[in-house]
PDBML (XML) file of the C-alpha atoms, coordinates in Angstrom:
<?xml version="1.0" encoding="UTF-8" ?>
<PDBx:datablock datablockName="MODEL"
   xmlns:PDBx="http://pdbml.pdb.org/schema/pdbx-v50.xsd"
   xmlns:xsi="http://www.w3.org/2001/XMLSchema-instance"
   xsi:schemaLocation="http://pdbml.pdb.org/schema/pdbx-v50.xsd pdbx-v50.xsd">
   <PDBx:atom_siteCategory>
      <PDBx:atom_site id="1">
         <PDBx:B_iso_or_equiv>0.00</PDBx:B_iso_or_equiv>
         <PDBx:Cartn_x>-0.150</PDBx:Cartn_x>
         <PDBx:Cartn_y>-0.432</PDBx:Cartn_y>
         <PDBx:Cartn_z>0.073</PDBx:Cartn_z>
         <PDBx:auth_asym_id>A</PDBx:auth_asym_id>
         <PDBx:auth_atom_id>CA</PDBx:auth_atom_id>
         <PDBx:auth_comp_id>LYS</PDBx:auth_comp_id>
         <PDBx:auth_seq_id>1</PDBx:auth_seq_id>
         <PDBx:group_PDB>ATOM</PDBx:group_PDB>
         <PDBx:label_alt_id xsi:nil="true" />
         <PDBx:label_asym_id>A</PDBx:label_asym_id>
         <PDBx:label_atom_id>CA</PDBx:label_atom_id>
         <PDBx:label_comp_id>LYS</PDBx:label_comp_id>
         <PDBx:label_entity_id>1</PDBx:label_entity_id>
         <PDBx:label_seq_id>1</PDBx:label_seq_id>
         <PDBx:occupancy>1.00</PDBx:occupancy>
         <PDBx:pdbx_PDB_model_num>1</PDBx:pdbx_PDB_model_num>
         <PDBx:type_symbol>C</PDBx:type_symbol>
      </PDBx:atom_site>
      <PDBx:atom_site id="2">
         <PDBx:B_iso_or_equiv>0.00</PDBx:B_iso_or_equiv>
         <PDBx:Cartn_x>2.820</PDBx:Cartn_x>
         <PDBx:Cartn_y>2.280</PDBx:Cartn_y>
         <PDBx:Cartn_z>0.955</PDBx:Cartn_z>
         <PDBx:auth_asym_id>A</PDBx:auth_asym_id>
         <PDBx:auth_atom_id>CA</PDBx:auth_atom_id>
         <PDBx:auth_comp_id>GLY</PDBx:auth_comp_id>
         <PDBx:auth_seq_id>2</PDBx:auth_seq_id>
         <PDBx:group_PDB>ATOM</PDBx:group_PDB>
         <PDBx:label_alt_id xsi:nil="true" />
         <PDBx:label_asym_id>A</PDBx:label_asym_id>
         <PDBx:label_atom_id>CA</PDBx:label_atom_id>
         <PDBx:label_comp_id>GLY</PDBx:label_comp_id>
         <PDBx:label_entity_id>1</PDBx:label_entity_id>
         <PDBx:label_seq_id>2</PDBx:label_seq_id>
         <PDBx:occupancy>1.00</PDBx:occupancy>
         <PDBx:pdbx_PDB_model_num>1</PDBx:pdbx_PDB_model_num>
         <PDBx:type_symbol>C</PDBx:type_symbol>
      </PDBx:atom_site>
      <PDBx:atom_site id="3">
         <PDBx:B_iso_or_equiv>0.00</PDBx:B_iso_or_equiv>
         <PDBx:Cartn_x>5.176</PDBx:Cartn_x>
         <PDBx:Cartn_y>2.035</PDBx:Cartn_y>
         <PDBx:Cartn_z>-2.436</PDBx:Cartn_z>
         <PDBx:auth_asym_id>A</PDBx:auth_asym_id>
         <PDBx:auth_atom_id>CA</PDBx:auth_atom_id>
         <PDBx:auth_comp_id>THR</PDBx:auth_comp_id>
         <PDBx:auth_seq_id>3</PDBx:auth_seq_id>
         <PDBx:group_PDB>ATOM</PDBx:group_PDB>
         <PDBx:label_alt_id xsi:nil="true" />
         <PDBx:label_asym_id>A</PDBx:label_asym_id>
         <PDBx:label_atom_id>CA</PDBx:label_atom_id>
         <PDBx:label_comp_id>THR</PDBx:label_comp_id>
         <PDBx:label_entity_id>1</PDBx:label_entity_id>
         <PDBx:label_seq_id>3</PDBx:label_seq_id>
         <PDBx:occupancy>1.00</PDBx:occupancy>
         <PDBx:pdbx_PDB_model_num>1</PDBx:pdbx_PDB_model_num>
         <PDBx:type_symbol>C</PDBx:type_symbol>
      </PDBx:atom_site>
      <PDBx:atom_site id="4">
         <PDBx:B_iso_or_equiv>0.00</PDBx:B_iso_or_equiv>
         <PDBx:Cartn_x>1.214</PDBx:Cartn_x>
         <PDBx:Cartn_y>2.397</PDBx:Cartn_y>
         <PDBx:Cartn_z>-3.794</PDBx:Cartn_z>
         <PDBx:auth_asym_id>A</PDBx:auth_asym_id>
         <PDBx:auth_atom_id>CA</PDBx:auth_atom_id>
         <PDBx:auth_comp_id>ALA</PDBx:auth_comp_id>
         <PDBx:auth_seq_id>4</PDBx:auth_seq_id>
         <PDBx:group_PDB>ATOM</PDBx:group_PDB>
         <PDBx:label_alt_id xsi:nil="true" />
         <PDBx:label_asym_id>A</PDBx:label_asym_id>
         <PDBx:label_atom_id>CA</PDBx:label_atom_id>
         <PDBx:label_comp_id>ALA</PDBx:label_comp_id>
         <PDBx:label_entity_id>1</PDBx:label_entity_id>
         <PDBx:label_seq_id>4</PDBx:label_seq_id>
         <PDBx:occupancy>1.00</PDBx:occupancy>
         <PDBx:pdbx_PDB_model_num>1</PDBx:pdbx_PDB_model_num>
         <PDBx:type_symbol>C</PDBx:type_symbol>
      </PDBx:atom_site>
      <PDBx:atom_site id="5">
         <PDBx:B_iso_or_equiv>0.00</PDBx:B_iso_or_equiv>
         <PDBx:Cartn_x>0.913</PDBx:Cartn_x>
         <PDBx:Cartn_y>5.596</PDBx:Cartn_y>
         <PDBx:Cartn_z>-2.285</PDBx:Cartn_z>
         <PDBx:auth_asym_id>A</PDBx:auth_asym_id>
         <PDBx:auth_atom_id>CA</PDBx:auth_atom_id>
         <PDBx:auth_comp_id>ILE</PDBx:auth_comp_id>
         <PDBx:auth_seq_id>5</PDBx:auth_seq_id>
         <PDBx:group_PDB>ATOM</PDBx:group_PDB>
         <PDBx:label_alt_id xsi:nil="true" />
         <PDBx:label_asym_id>A</PDBx:label_asym_id>
         <PDBx:label_atom_id>CA</PDBx:label_atom_id>
         <PDBx:label_comp_id>ILE</PDBx:label_comp_id>
         <PDBx:label_entity_id>1</PDBx:label_entity_id>
         <PDBx:label_seq_id>5</PDBx:label_seq_id>
         <PDBx:occupancy>1.00</PDBx:occupancy>
         <PDBx:pdbx_PDB_model_num>1</PDBx:pdbx_PDB_model_num>
         <PDBx:type_symbol>C</PDBx:type_symbol>
      </PDBx:atom_site>
      <PDBx:atom_site id="6">
         <PDBx:B_iso_or_equiv>0.00</PDBx:B_iso_or_equiv>
         <PDBx:Cartn_x>4.271</PDBx:Cartn_x>
         <PDBx:Cartn_y>6.891</PDBx:Cartn_y>
         <PDBx:Cartn_z>-3.055</PDBx:Cartn_z>
         <PDBx:auth_asym_id>A</PDBx:auth_asym_id>
         <PDBx:auth_atom_id>CA</PDBx:auth_atom_id>
         <PDBx:auth_comp_id>LEU</PDBx:auth_comp_id>
         <PDBx:auth_seq_id>6</PDBx:auth_seq_id>
         <PDBx:group_PDB>ATOM</PDBx:group_PDB>
         <PDBx:label_alt_id xsi:nil="true" />
         <PDBx:label_asym_id>A</PDBx:label_asym_id>
         <PDBx:label_atom_id>CA</PDBx:label_atom_id>
         <PDBx:label_comp_id>LEU</PDBx:label_comp_id>
         <PDBx:label_entity_id>1</PDBx:label_entity_id>
         <PDBx:label_seq_id>6</PDBx:label_seq_id>
         <PDBx:occupancy>1.00</PDBx:occupancy>
         <PDBx:pdbx_PDB_model_num>1</PDBx:pdbx_PDB_model_num>
         <PDBx:type_symbol>C</PDBx:type_symbol>
      </PDBx:atom_site>
      <PDBx:atom_site id="7">
         <PDBx:B_iso_or_equiv>0.00</PDBx:B_iso_or_equiv>
         <PDBx:Cartn_x>3.849</PDBx:Cartn_x>
         <PDBx:Cartn_y>6.554</PDBx:Cartn_y>
         <PDBx:Cartn_z>-6.284</PDBx:Cartn_z>
         <PDBx:auth_asym_id>A</PDBx:auth_asym_id>
         <PDBx:auth_atom_id>CA</PDBx:auth_atom_id>
         <PDBx:auth_comp_id>GLY</PDBx:auth_comp_id>
         <PDBx:auth_seq_id>7</PDBx:auth_seq_id>
         <PDBx:group_PDB>ATOM</PDBx:group_PDB>
         <PDBx:label_alt_id xsi:nil="true" />
         <PDBx:label_asym_id>A</PDBx:label_asym_id>
         <PDBx:label_atom_id>CA</PDBx:label_atom_id>
         <PDBx:label_comp_id>GLY</PDBx:label_comp_id>
         <PDBx:label_entity_id>1</PDBx:label_entity_id>
         <PDBx:label_seq_id>7</PDBx:label_seq_id>
         <PDBx:occupancy>1.00</PDBx:occupancy>
         <PDBx:pdbx_PDB_model_num>1</PDBx:pdbx_PDB_model_num>
         <PDBx:type_symbol>C</PDBx:type_symbol>
      </PDBx:atom_site>
      <PDBx:atom_site id="8">
         <PDBx:B_iso_or_equiv>0.00</PDBx:B_iso_or_equiv>
         <PDBx:Cartn_x>5.954</PDBx:Cartn_x>
         <PDBx:Cartn_y>3.310</PDBx:Cartn_y>
         <PDBx:Cartn_z>-6.909</PDBx:Cartn_z>
         <PDBx:auth_asym_id>A</PDBx:auth_asym_id>
         <PDBx:auth_atom_id>CA</PDBx:auth_atom_id>
         <PDBx:auth_comp_id>GLY</PDBx:auth_comp_id>
         <PDBx:auth_seq_id>8</PDBx:auth_seq_id>
         <PDBx:group_PDB>ATOM</PDBx:group_PDB>
         <PDBx:label_alt_id xsi:nil="true" />
         <PDBx:label_asym_id>A</PDBx:label_asym_id>
         <PDBx:label_atom_id>CA</PDBx:label_atom_id>
         <PDBx:label_comp_id>GLY</PDBx:label_comp_id>
         <PDBx:label_entity_id>1</PDBx:label_entity_id>
         <PDBx:label_seq_id>8</PDBx:label_seq_id>
         <PDBx:occupancy>1.00</PDBx:occupancy>
         <PDBx:pdbx_PDB_model_num>1</PDBx:pdbx_PDB_model_num>
         <PDBx:type_symbol>C</PDBx:type_symbol>
      </PDBx:atom_site>
      <PDBx:atom_site id="9">
         <PDBx:B_iso_or_equiv>0.00</PDBx:B_iso_or_equiv>
         <PDBx:Cartn_x>9.441</PDBx:Cartn_x>
         <PDBx:Cartn_y>1.535</PDBx:Cartn_y>
         <PDBx:Cartn_z>-6.533</PDBx:Cartn_z>
         <PDBx:auth_asym_id>A</PDBx:auth_asym_id>
         <PDBx:auth_atom_id>CA</PDBx:auth_atom_id>
         <PDBx:auth_comp_id>TYR</PDBx:auth_comp_id>
         <PDBx:auth_seq_id>9</PDBx:auth_seq_id>
         <PDBx:group_PDB>ATOM</PDBx:group_PDB>
         <PDBx:label_alt_id xsi:nil="true" />
         <PDBx:label_asym_id>A</PDBx:label_asym_id>
         <PDBx:label_atom_id>CA</PDBx:label_atom_id>
         <PDBx:label_comp_id>TYR</PDBx:label_comp_id>
         <PDBx:label_entity_id>1</PDBx:label_entity_id>
         <PDBx:label_seq_id>9</PDBx:label_seq_id>
         <PDBx:occupancy>1.00</PDBx:occupancy>
         <PDBx:pdbx_PDB_model_num>1</PDBx:pdbx_PDB_model_num>
         <PDBx:type_symbol>C</PDBx:type_symbol>
      </PDBx:atom_site>
      <PDBx:atom_site id="10">
         <PDBx:B_iso_or_equiv>0.00</PDBx:B_iso_or_equiv>
         <PDBx:Cartn_x>11.159</PDBx:Cartn_x>
         <PDBx:Cartn_y>3.777</PDBx:Cartn_y>
         <PDBx:Cartn_z>-9.004</PDBx:Cartn_z>
         <PDBx:auth_asym_id>A</PDBx:auth_asym_id>
         <PDBx:auth_atom_id>CA</PDBx:auth_atom_id>
         <PDBx:auth_comp_id>HIS</PDBx:auth_comp_id>
         <PDBx:auth_seq_id>10</PDBx:auth_seq_id>
         <PDBx:group_PDB>ATOM</PDBx:group_PDB>
         <PDBx:label_alt_id xsi:nil="true" />
         <PDBx:label_asym_id>A</PDBx:label_asym_id>
         <PDBx:label_atom_id>CA</PDBx:label_atom_id>
         <PDBx:label_comp_id>HIS</PDBx:label_comp_id>
         <PDBx:label_entity_id>1</PDBx:label_entity_id>
         <PDBx:label_seq_id>10</PDBx:label_seq_id>
         <PDBx:occupancy>1.00</PDBx:occupancy>
         <PDBx:pdbx_PDB_model_num>1</PDBx:pdbx_PDB_model_num>
         <PDBx:type_symbol>C</PDBx:type_symbol>
      </PDBx:atom_site>
      <PDBx:atom_site id="11">
         <PDBx:B_iso_or_equiv>0.00</PDBx:B_iso_or_equiv>
         <PDBx:Cartn_x>9.545</PDBx:Cartn_x>
         <PDBx:Cartn_y>6.890</PDBx:Cartn_y>
         <PDBx:Cartn_z>-8.113</PDBx:Cartn_z>
         <PDBx:auth_asym_id>A</PDBx:auth_asym_id>
         <PDBx:auth_atom_id>CA</PDBx:auth_atom_id>
         <PDBx:auth_comp_id>SER</PDBx:auth_comp_id>
         <PDBx:auth_seq_id>11</PDBx:auth_seq_id>
         <PDBx:group_PDB>ATOM</PDBx:group_PDB>
         <PDBx:label_alt_id xsi:nil="true" />
         <PDBx:label_asym_id>A</PDBx:label_asym_id>
         <PDBx:label_atom_id>CA</PDBx:label_atom_id>
         <PDBx:label_comp_id>SER</PDBx:label_comp_id>
         <PDBx:label_entity_id>1</PDBx:label_entity_id>
         <PDBx:label_seq_id>11</PDBx:label_seq_id>
         <PDBx:occupancy>1.00</PDBx:occupancy>
         <PDBx:pdbx_PDB_model_num>1</PDBx:pdbx_PDB_model_num>
         <PDBx:type_symbol>C</PDBx:type_symbol>
      </PDBx:atom_site>
      <PDBx:atom_site id="12">
         <PDBx:B_iso_or_equiv>0.00</PDBx:B_iso_or_equiv>
         <PDBx:Cartn_x>11.074</PDBx:Cartn_x>
         <PDBx:Cartn_y>10.195</PDBx:Cartn_y>
         <PDBx:Cartn_z>-6.415</PDBx:Cartn_z>
         <PDBx:auth_asym_id>A</PDBx:auth_asym_id>
         <PDBx:auth_atom_id>CA</PDBx:auth_atom_id>
         <PDBx:auth_comp_id>PRO</PDBx:auth_comp_id>
         <PDBx:auth_seq_id>12</PDBx:auth_seq_id>
         <PDBx:group_PDB>ATOM</PDBx:group_PDB>
         <PDBx:label_alt_id xsi:nil="true" />
         <PDBx:label_asym_id>A</PDBx:label_asym_id>
         <PDBx:label_atom_id>CA</PDBx:label_atom_id>
         <PDBx:label_comp_id>PRO</PDBx:label_comp_id>
         <PDBx:label_entity_id>1</PDBx:label_entity_id>
         <PDBx:label_seq_id>12</PDBx:label_seq_id>
         <PDBx:occupancy>1.00</PDBx:occupancy>
         <PDBx:pdbx_PDB_model_num>1</PDBx:pdbx_PDB_model_num>
         <PDBx:type_symbol>C</PDBx:type_symbol>
      </PDBx:atom_site>
      <PDBx:atom_site id="13">
         <PDBx:B_iso_or_equiv>0.00</PDBx:B_iso_or_equiv>
         <PDBx:Cartn_x>8.634</PDBx:Cartn_x>
         <PDBx:Cartn_y>9.989</PDBx:Cartn_y>
         <PDBx:Cartn_z>-3.265</PDBx:Cartn_z>
         <PDBx:auth_asym_id>A</PDBx:auth_asym_id>
         <PDBx:auth_atom_id>CA</PDBx:auth_atom_id>
         <PDBx:auth_comp_id>ALA</PDBx:auth_comp_id>
         <PDBx:auth_seq_id>13</PDBx:auth_seq_id>
         <PDBx:group_PDB>ATOM</PDBx:group_PDB>
         <PDBx:label_alt_id xsi:nil="true" />
         <PDBx:label_asym_id>A</PDBx:label_asym_id>
         <PDBx:label_atom_id>CA</PDBx:label_atom_id>
         <PDBx:label_comp_id>ALA</PDBx:label_comp_id>
         <PDBx:label_entity_id>1</PDBx:label_entity_id>
         <PDBx:label_seq_id>13</PDBx:label_seq_id>
         <PDBx:occupancy>1.00</PDBx:occupancy>
         <PDBx:pdbx_PDB_model_num>1</PDBx:pdbx_PDB_model_num>
         <PDBx:type_symbol>C</PDBx:type_symbol>
      </PDBx:atom_site>
      <PDBx:atom_site id="14">
         <PDBx:B_iso_or_equiv>0.00</PDBx:B_iso_or_equiv>
         <PDBx:Cartn_x>9.835</PDBx:Cartn_x>
         <PDBx:Cartn_y>6.494</PDBx:Cartn_y>
         <PDBx:Cartn_z>-2.918</PDBx:Cartn_z>
         <PDBx:auth_asym_id>A</PDBx:auth_asym_id>
         <PDBx:auth_atom_id>CA</PDBx:auth_atom_id>
         <PDBx:auth_comp_id>TYR</PDBx:auth_comp_id>
         <PDBx:auth_seq_id>14</PDBx:auth_seq_id>
         <PDBx:group_PDB>ATOM</PDBx:group_PDB>
         <PDBx:label_alt_id xsi:nil="true" />
         <PDBx:label_asym_id>A</PDBx:label_asym_id>
         <PDBx:label_atom_id>CA</PDBx:label_atom_id>
         <PDBx:label_comp_id>TYR</PDBx:label_comp_id>
         <PDBx:label_entity_id>1</PDBx:label_entity_id>
         <PDBx:label_seq_id>14</PDBx:label_seq_id>
         <PDBx:occupancy>1.00</PDBx:occupancy>
         <PDBx:pdbx_PDB_model_num>1</PDBx:pdbx_PDB_model_num>
         <PDBx:type_symbol>C</PDBx:type_symbol>
      </PDBx:atom_site>
      <PDBx:atom_site id="15">
         <PDBx:B_iso_or_equiv>0.00</PDBx:B_iso_or_equiv>
         <PDBx:Cartn_x>13.289</PDBx:Cartn_x>
         <PDBx:Cartn_y>7.451</PDBx:Cartn_y>
         <PDBx:Cartn_z>-2.951</PDBx:Cartn_z>
         <PDBx:auth_asym_id>A</PDBx:auth_asym_id>
         <PDBx:auth_atom_id>CA</PDBx:auth_atom_id>
         <PDBx:auth_comp_id>ASN</PDBx:auth_comp_id>
         <PDBx:auth_seq_id>15</PDBx:auth_seq_id>
         <PDBx:group_PDB>ATOM</PDBx:group_PDB>
         <PDBx:label_alt_id xsi:nil="true" />
         <PDBx:label_asym_id>A</PDBx:label_asym_id>
         <PDBx:label_atom_id>CA</PDBx:label_atom_id>
         <PDBx:label_comp_id>ASN</PDBx:label_comp_id>
         <PDBx:label_entity_id>1</PDBx:label_entity_id>
         <PDBx:label_seq_id>15</PDBx:label_seq_id>
         <PDBx:occupancy>1.00</PDBx:occupancy>
         <PDBx:pdbx_PDB_model_num>1</PDBx:pdbx_PDB_model_num>
         <PDBx:type_symbol>C</PDBx:type_symbol>
      </PDBx:atom_site>
      <PDBx:atom_site id="16">
         <PDBx:B_iso_or_equiv>0.00</PDBx:B_iso_or_equiv>
         <PDBx:Cartn_x>12.995</PDBx:Cartn_x>
         <PDBx:Cartn_y>10.031</PDBx:Cartn_y>
         <PDBx:Cartn_z>-0.714</PDBx:Cartn_z>
         <PDBx:auth_asym_id>A</PDBx:auth_asym_id>
         <PDBx:auth_atom_id>CA</PDBx:auth_atom_id>
         <PDBx:auth_comp_id>ASN</PDBx:auth_comp_id>
         <PDBx:auth_seq_id>16</PDBx:auth_seq_id>
         <PDBx:group_PDB>ATOM</PDBx:group_PDB>
         <PDBx:label_alt_id xsi:nil="true" />
         <PDBx:label_asym_id>A</PDBx:label_asym_id>
         <PDBx:label_atom_id>CA</PDBx:label_atom_id>
         <PDBx:label_comp_id>ASN</PDBx:label_comp_id>
         <PDBx:label_entity_id>1</PDBx:label_entity_id>
         <PDBx:label_seq_id>16</PDBx:label_seq_id>
         <PDBx:occupancy>1.00</PDBx:occupancy>
         <PDBx:pdbx_PDB_model_num>1</PDBx:pdbx_PDB_model_num>
         <PDBx:type_symbol>C</PDBx:type_symbol>
      </PDBx:atom_site>
      <PDBx:atom_site id="17">
         <PDBx:B_iso_or_equiv>0.00</PDBx:B_iso_or_equiv>
         <PDBx:Cartn_x>13.586</PDBx:Cartn_x>
         <PDBx:Cartn_y>7.872</PDBx:Cartn_y>
         <PDBx:Cartn_z>2.607</PDBx:Cartn_z>
         <PDBx:auth_asym_id>A</PDBx:auth_asym_id>
         <PDBx:auth_atom_id>CA</PDBx:auth_atom_id>
         <PDBx:auth_comp_id>ARG</PDBx:auth_comp_id>
         <PDBx:auth_seq_id>17</PDBx:auth_seq_id>
         <PDBx:group_PDB>ATOM</PDBx:group_PDB>
         <PDBx:label_alt_id xsi:nil="true" />
         <PDBx:label_asym_id>A</PDBx:label_asym_id>
         <PDBx:label_atom_id>CA</PDBx:label_atom_id>
         <PDBx:label_comp_id>ARG</PDBx:label_comp_id>
         <PDBx:label_entity_id>1</PDBx:label_entity_id>
         <PDBx:label_seq_id>17</PDBx:label_seq_id>
         <PDBx:occupancy>1.00</PDBx:occupancy>
         <PDBx:pdbx_PDB_model_num>1</PDBx:pdbx_PDB_model_num>
         <PDBx:type_symbol>C</PDBx:type_symbol>
      </PDBx:atom_site>
      <PDBx:atom_site id="18">
         <PDBx:B_iso_or_equiv>0.00</PDBx:B_iso_or_equiv>
         <PDBx:Cartn_x>12.324</PDBx:Cartn_x>
         <PDBx:Cartn_y>10.358</PDBx:Cartn_y>
         <PDBx:Cartn_z>4.441</PDBx:Cartn_z>
         <PDBx:auth_asym_id>A</PDBx:auth_asym_id>
         <PDBx:auth_atom_id>CA</PDBx:auth_atom_id>
         <PDBx:auth_comp_id>SER</PDBx:auth_comp_id>
         <PDBx:auth_seq_id>18</PDBx:auth_seq_id>
         <PDBx:group_PDB>ATOM</PDBx:group_PDB>
         <PDBx:label_alt_id xsi:nil="true" />
         <PDBx:label_asym_id>A</PDBx:label_asym_id>
         <PDBx:label_atom_id>CA</PDBx:label_atom_id>
         <PDBx:label_comp_id>SER</PDBx:label_comp_id>
         <PDBx:label_entity_id>1</PDBx:label_entity_id>
         <PDBx:label_seq_id>18</PDBx:label_seq_id>
         <PDBx:occupancy>1.00</PDBx:occupancy>
         <PDBx:pdbx_PDB_model_num>1</PDBx:pdbx_PDB_model_num>
         <PDBx:type_symbol>C</PDBx:type_symbol>
      </PDBx:atom_site>
      <PDBx:atom_site id="19">
         <PDBx:B_iso_or_equiv>0.00</PDBx:B_iso_or_equiv>
         <PDBx:Cartn_x>8.828</PDBx:Cartn_x>
         <PDBx:Cartn_y>10.866</PDBx:Cartn_y>
         <PDBx:Cartn_z>2.891</PDBx:Cartn_z>
         <PDBx:auth_asym_id>A</PDBx:auth_asym_id>
         <PDBx:auth_atom_id>CA</PDBx:auth_atom_id>
         <PDBx:auth_comp_id>THR</PDBx:auth_comp_id>
         <PDBx:auth_seq_id>19</PDBx:auth_seq_id>
         <PDBx:group_PDB>ATOM</PDBx:group_PDB>
         <PDBx:label_alt_id xsi:nil="true" />
         <PDBx:label_asym_id>A</PDBx:label_asym_id>
         <PDBx:label_atom_id>CA</PDBx:label_atom_id>
         <PDBx:label_comp_id>THR</PDBx:label_comp_id>
         <PDBx:label_entity_id>1</PDBx:label_entity_id>
         <PDBx:label_seq_id>19</PDBx:label_seq_id>
         <PDBx:occupancy>1.00</PDBx:occupancy>
         <PDBx:pdbx_PDB_model_num>1</PDBx:pdbx_PDB_model_num>
         <PDBx:type_symbol>C</PDBx:type_symbol>
      </PDBx:atom_site>
      <PDBx:atom_site id="20">
         <PDBx:B_iso_or_equiv>0.00</PDBx:B_iso_or_equiv>
         <PDBx:Cartn_x>9.014</PDBx:Cartn_x>
         <PDBx:Cartn_y>6.628</PDBx:Cartn_y>
         <PDBx:Cartn_z>2.615</PDBx:Cartn_z>
         <PDBx:auth_asym_id>A</PDBx:auth_asym_id>
         <PDBx:auth_atom_id>CA</PDBx:auth_atom_id>
         <PDBx:auth_comp_id>ARG</PDBx:auth_comp_id>
         <PDBx:auth_seq_id>20</PDBx:auth_seq_id>
         <PDBx:group_PDB>ATOM</PDBx:group_PDB>
         <PDBx:label_alt_id xsi:nil="true" />
         <PDBx:label_asym_id>A</PDBx:label_asym_id>
         <PDBx:label_atom_id>CA</PDBx:label_atom_id>
         <PDBx:label_comp_id>ARG</PDBx:label_comp_id>
         <PDBx:label_entity_id>1</PDBx:label_entity_id>
         <PDBx:label_seq_id>20</PDBx:label_seq_id>
         <PDBx:occupancy>1.00</PDBx:occupancy>
         <PDBx:pdbx_PDB_model_num>1</PDBx:pdbx_PDB_model_num>
         <PDBx:type_symbol>C</PDBx:type_symbol>
      </PDBx:atom_site>
      <PDBx:atom_site id="21">
         <PDBx:B_iso_or_equiv>0.00</PDBx:B_iso_or_equiv>
         <PDBx:Cartn_x>9.049</PDBx:Cartn_x>
         <PDBx:Cartn_y>6.532</PDBx:Cartn_y>
         <PDBx:Cartn_z>6.273</PDBx:Cartn_z>
         <PDBx:auth_asym_id>A</PDBx:auth_asym_id>
         <PDBx:auth_atom_id>CA</PDBx:auth_atom_id>
         <PDBx:auth_comp_id>GLN</PDBx:auth_comp_id>
         <PDBx:auth_seq_id>21</PDBx:auth_seq_id>
         <PDBx:group_PDB>ATOM</PDBx:group_PDB>
         <PDBx:label_alt_id xsi:nil="true" />
         <PDBx:label_asym_id>A</PDBx:label_asym_id>
         <PDBx:label_atom_id>CA</PDBx:label_atom_id>
         <PDBx:label_comp_id>GLN</PDBx:label_comp_id>
         <PDBx:label_entity_id>1</PDBx:label_entity_id>
         <PDBx:label_seq_id>21</PDBx:label_seq_id>
         <PDBx:occupancy>1.00</PDBx:occupancy>
         <PDBx:pdbx_PDB_model_num>1</PDBx:pdbx_PDB_model_num>
         <PDBx:type_symbol>C</PDBx:type_symbol>
      </PDBx:atom_site>
      <PDBx:atom_site id="22">
         <PDBx:B_iso_or_equiv>0.00</PDBx:B_iso_or_equiv>
         <PDBx:Cartn_x>6.434</PDBx:Cartn_x>
         <PDBx:Cartn_y>8.808</PDBx:Cartn_y>
         <PDBx:Cartn_z>6.677</PDBx:Cartn_z>
         <PDBx:auth_asym_id>A</PDBx:auth_asym_id>
         <PDBx:auth_atom_id>CA</PDBx:auth_atom_id>
         <PDBx:auth_comp_id>LYS</PDBx:auth_comp_id>
         <PDBx:auth_seq_id>22</PDBx:auth_seq_id>
         <PDBx:group_PDB>ATOM</PDBx:group_PDB>
         <PDBx:label_alt_id xsi:nil="true" />
         <PDBx:label_asym_id>A</PDBx:label_asym_id>
         <PDBx:label_atom_id>CA</PDBx:label_atom_id>
         <PDBx:label_comp_id>LYS</PDBx:label_comp_id>
         <PDBx:label_entity_id>1</PDBx:label_entity_id>
         <PDBx:label_seq_id>22</PDBx:label_seq_id>
         <PDBx:occupancy>1.00</PDBx:occupancy>
         <PDBx:pdbx_PDB_model_num>1</PDBx:pdbx_PDB_model_num>
         <PDBx:type_symbol>C</PDBx:type_symbol>
      </PDBx:atom_site>
      <PDBx:atom_site id="23">
         <PDBx:B_iso_or_equiv>0.00</PDBx:B_iso_or_equiv>
         <PDBx:Cartn_x>4.303</PDBx:Cartn_x>
         <PDBx:Cartn_y>6.981</PDBx:Cartn_y>
         <PDBx:Cartn_z>4.775</PDBx:Cartn_z>
         <PDBx:auth_asym_id>A</PDBx:auth_asym_id>
         <PDBx:auth_atom_id>CA</PDBx:auth_atom_id>
         <PDBx:auth_comp_id>VAL</PDBx:auth_comp_id>
         <PDBx:auth_seq_id>23</PDBx:auth_seq_id>
         <PDBx:group_PDB>ATOM</PDBx:group_PDB>
         <PDBx:label_alt_id xsi:nil="true" />
         <PDBx:label_asym_id>A</PDBx:label_asym_id>
         <PDBx:label_atom_id>CA</PDBx:label_atom_id>
         <PDBx:label_comp_id>VAL</PDBx:label_comp_id>
         <PDBx:label_entity_id>1</PDBx:label_entity_id>
         <PDBx:label_seq_id>23</PDBx:label_seq_id>
         <PDBx:occupancy>1.00</PDBx:occupancy>
         <PDBx:pdbx_PDB_model_num>1</PDBx:pdbx_PDB_model_num>
         <PDBx:type_symbol>C</PDBx:type_symbol>
      </PDBx:atom_site>
      <PDBx:atom_site id="24">
         <PDBx:B_iso_or_equiv>0.00</PDBx:B_iso_or_equiv>
         <PDBx:Cartn_x>4.904</PDBx:Cartn_x>
         <PDBx:Cartn_y>3.283</PDBx:Cartn_y>
         <PDBx:Cartn_z>6.576</PDBx:Cartn_z>
         <PDBx:auth_asym_id>A</PDBx:auth_asym_id>
         <PDBx:auth_atom_id>CA</PDBx:auth_atom_id>
         <PDBx:auth_comp_id>TYR</PDBx:auth_comp_id>
         <PDBx:auth_seq_id>24</PDBx:auth_seq_id>
         <PDBx:group_PDB>ATOM</PDBx:group_PDB>
         <PDBx:label_alt_id xsi:nil="true" />
         <PDBx:label_asym_id>A</PDBx:label_asym_id>
         <PDBx:label_atom_id>CA</PDBx:label_atom_id>
         <PDBx:label_comp_id>TYR</PDBx:label_comp_id>
         <PDBx:label_entity_id>1</PDBx:label_entity_id>
         <PDBx:label_seq_id>24</PDBx:label_seq_id>
         <PDBx:occupancy>1.00</PDBx:occupancy>
         <PDBx:pdbx_PDB_model_num>1</PDBx:pdbx_PDB_model_num>
         <PDBx:type_symbol>C</PDBx:type_symbol>
      </PDBx:atom_site>
   </PDBx:atom_siteCategory>
</PDBx:datablock>
């Protein structure tokens, strides 16, 4: 779910550790 919200594995948001951590 988090990966989908972030826009997928290769999205800039997914690769932004801080943002990814906030979502999870």
